[in-house]
Amino acid sequence: MEGYKIFISHGSQDTWLAGQISKEIGSRGGLAFLDETHIPKGSPDFKRIIRQEIKASNELIAFFTPWSAMRSWVWIEIGAAWEREIPLVAVFYGMEVGDLEETGQGKAILEDINVLTLDDLDAYLGQLQLRIEKARS
């Protein structure tokens, strides 16, 4: 995939939501990496593909829901993107940032990144579209 790429990090129970956001990103001219779409089921290379795709992404969106907040992969993917110093956006649905303290995960680096609710997603997607268009020119 070439172009402005967004890596979507989510828990397996949030696949439908992540898929909808992936479609929105595509409709705005961006490329979304979604593991269900781009990694064959049972692939022995999934860890390598995840690392490769984060390295190739321009930013990362991480969904935090009551189901995904405890998923280690979400935190691993955020950490990898944070290390690359690409834009990180955490989108919360069904919980708030403060709820992370109860999971034992804490807020970690989320204090330093953009934190949105699902209701704020349209504003983010509008700003994302401007970045996509700028990258094309």
Protein backbone atom coordinates (compact mmCIF):
# COMPACT_ATOMS: atom_id res chain seq x y z
CA MET A 1 0.00 0.00 0.00
CA GLU A 2 1.27 3.44 -0.91
CA GLY A 3 -0.28 6.70 0.17
CA TYR A 4 -1.24 8.13 3.55
CA LYS A 5 -1.77 5.10 5.79
CA ILE A 6 -3.56 4.82 9.11
CA PHE A 7 -3.04 1.75 11.29
CA ILE A 8 -6.22 0.81 13.17
CA SER A 9 -5.59 -0.87 16.53
CA HIS A 10 -8.58 -2.53 18.18
CA GLY A 11 -9.82 -5.57 20.04
CA SER A 12 -11.45 -8.44 18.20
CA GLN A 13 -14.89 -7.54 19.58
CA ASP A 14 -14.56 -4.11 17.97
CA THR A 15 -13.98 -5.43 14.46
CA TRP A 16 -17.23 -4.04 13.03
CA LEU A 17 -16.51 -0.56 14.41
CA ALA A 18 -12.92 -0.68 13.13
CA GLY A 19 -14.21 -1.78 9.72
CA GLN A 20 -16.59 1.18 9.53
CA ILE A 21 -13.77 3.58 10.36
CA SER A 22 -11.57 1.88 7.77
CA LYS A 23 -14.27 2.55 5.14
CA GLU A 24 -14.50 6.20 6.23
CA ILE A 25 -10.75 6.59 5.90
CA GLY A 26 -10.87 5.05 2.43
CA SER A 27 -13.70 7.34 1.34
CA ARG A 28 -11.50 10.30 2.30
CA GLY A 29 -8.59 9.08 0.17
CA GLY A 30 -6.56 7.43 2.92
CA LEU A 31 -5.39 3.87 3.31
CA ALA A 32 -6.36 1.98 6.43
CA PHE A 33 -4.54 -1.07 7.71
CA LEU A 34 -6.92 -3.42 9.48
CA ASP A 35 -5.59 -6.83 10.48
CA GLU A 36 -8.81 -8.69 9.59
CA THR A 37 -8.64 -7.31 6.07
CA HIS A 38 -4.91 -7.46 5.42
CA ILE A 39 -3.64 -10.51 7.33
CA PRO A 40 -4.85 -13.97 6.29
CA LYS A 41 -6.47 -15.94 9.12
CA GLY A 42 -3.93 -18.22 10.79
CA SER A 43 -0.97 -16.50 9.16
CA PRO A 44 2.27 -17.48 10.91
CA ASP A 45 3.71 -14.10 9.86
CA PHE A 46 1.12 -11.92 11.62
CA LYS A 47 3.62 -10.42 14.08
CA ARG A 48 6.02 -9.49 11.30
CA ILE A 49 3.16 -8.01 9.27
CA ILE A 50 1.96 -5.94 12.23
CA ARG A 51 5.47 -4.52 12.77
CA GLN A 52 5.90 -3.86 9.06
CA GLU A 53 2.56 -2.08 8.78
CA ILE A 54 3.17 0.13 11.81
CA LYS A 55 6.53 1.10 10.30
CA ALA A 56 4.76 2.01 7.04
CA SER A 57 1.91 3.96 8.68
CA ASN A 58 1.63 7.71 8.95
CA GLU A 59 -0.53 7.57 12.08
CA LEU A 60 -2.36 5.18 14.38
CA ILE A 61 -5.91 5.12 15.71
CA ALA A 62 -6.47 2.95 18.79
CA PHE A 63 -9.97 2.03 19.94
CA PHE A 64 -10.55 1.73 23.65
CA THR A 65 -13.72 -0.06 24.61
CA PRO A 66 -14.52 -2.23 27.61
CA TRP A 67 -13.40 -5.15 25.41
CA SER A 68 -10.17 -3.76 23.96
CA ALA A 69 -8.71 -1.90 26.96
CA MET A 70 -7.21 -5.09 28.39
CA ARG A 71 -5.82 -6.34 25.07
CA SER A 72 -2.04 -6.33 25.17
CA TRP A 73 -1.83 -5.97 21.38
CA VAL A 74 -3.53 -2.56 21.52
CA TRP A 75 -0.88 -1.34 23.97
CA ILE A 76 1.96 -2.94 21.99
CA GLU A 77 0.79 -1.24 18.80
CA ILE A 78 0.44 2.12 20.56
CA GLY A 79 3.96 1.73 21.97
CA ALA A 80 5.39 0.94 18.54
CA ALA A 81 3.72 3.99 17.00
CA TRP A 82 4.79 6.15 19.94
CA GLU A 83 8.39 5.05 19.39
CA ARG A 84 8.10 6.08 15.73
CA GLU A 85 6.74 9.47 16.84
CA ILE A 86 3.78 9.32 14.46
CA PRO A 87 0.43 10.88 15.39
CA LEU A 88 -1.56 8.73 17.82
CA VAL A 89 -5.27 9.06 18.42
CA ALA A 90 -7.13 7.11 21.10
CA VAL A 91 -10.87 6.80 20.53
CA PHE A 92 -12.96 5.86 23.55
CA TYR A 93 -16.36 4.19 23.34
CA GLY A 94 -18.22 2.85 26.35
CA MET A 95 -15.49 3.99 28.73
CA GLU A 96 -13.35 7.00 29.59
CA VAL A 97 -9.62 7.51 30.04
CA GLY A 98 -10.01 7.38 33.83
CA ASP A 99 -11.49 3.88 33.53
CA LEU A 100 -8.08 2.60 32.45
CA GLU A 101 -6.86 2.91 36.04
CA GLU A 102 -9.37 0.22 37.01
CA THR A 103 -8.04 -2.17 34.36
CA GLY A 104 -4.57 -2.09 35.88
CA GLN A 105 -3.18 -0.74 32.61
CA GLY A 106 -3.09 2.87 33.78
CA LYS A 107 -3.09 5.76 31.35
CA ALA A 108 0.54 5.29 30.33
CA ILE A 109 1.32 7.46 27.32
CA LEU A 110 -2.31 8.37 26.62
CA GLU A 111 -1.82 11.60 28.55
CA ASP A 112 0.47 12.77 25.76
CA ILE A 113 -1.73 11.95 22.75
CA ASN A 114 -5.06 12.94 21.29
CA VAL A 115 -7.93 11.33 23.18
CA LEU A 116 -11.39 11.43 21.62
CA THR A 117 -14.78 9.93 22.17
CA LEU A 118 -16.59 8.22 19.33
CA ASP A 119 -18.77 11.33 19.06
CA ASP A 120 -15.64 13.39 18.23
CA LEU A 121 -14.57 11.07 15.42
CA ASP A 122 -16.08 13.12 12.57
CA ALA A 123 -13.97 16.14 13.53
CA TYR A 124 -10.86 13.94 13.57
CA LEU A 125 -11.73 12.43 10.18
CA GLY A 126 -12.11 15.93 8.73
CA GLN A 127 -8.65 16.88 9.98
CA LEU A 128 -7.29 13.55 8.74
CA GLN A 129 -8.64 14.26 5.27
CA LEU A 130 -6.68 17.54 5.21
CA ARG A 131 -3.48 15.63 6.08
CA ILE A 132 -4.21 13.07 3.37
CA GLU A 133 -4.74 15.81 0.79
CA LYS A 134 -1.59 17.63 1.89
CA ALA A 135 0.45 14.40 1.56
CA ARG A 136 -0.80 13.98 -2.03
CA SER A 137 0.33 17.44 -3.12
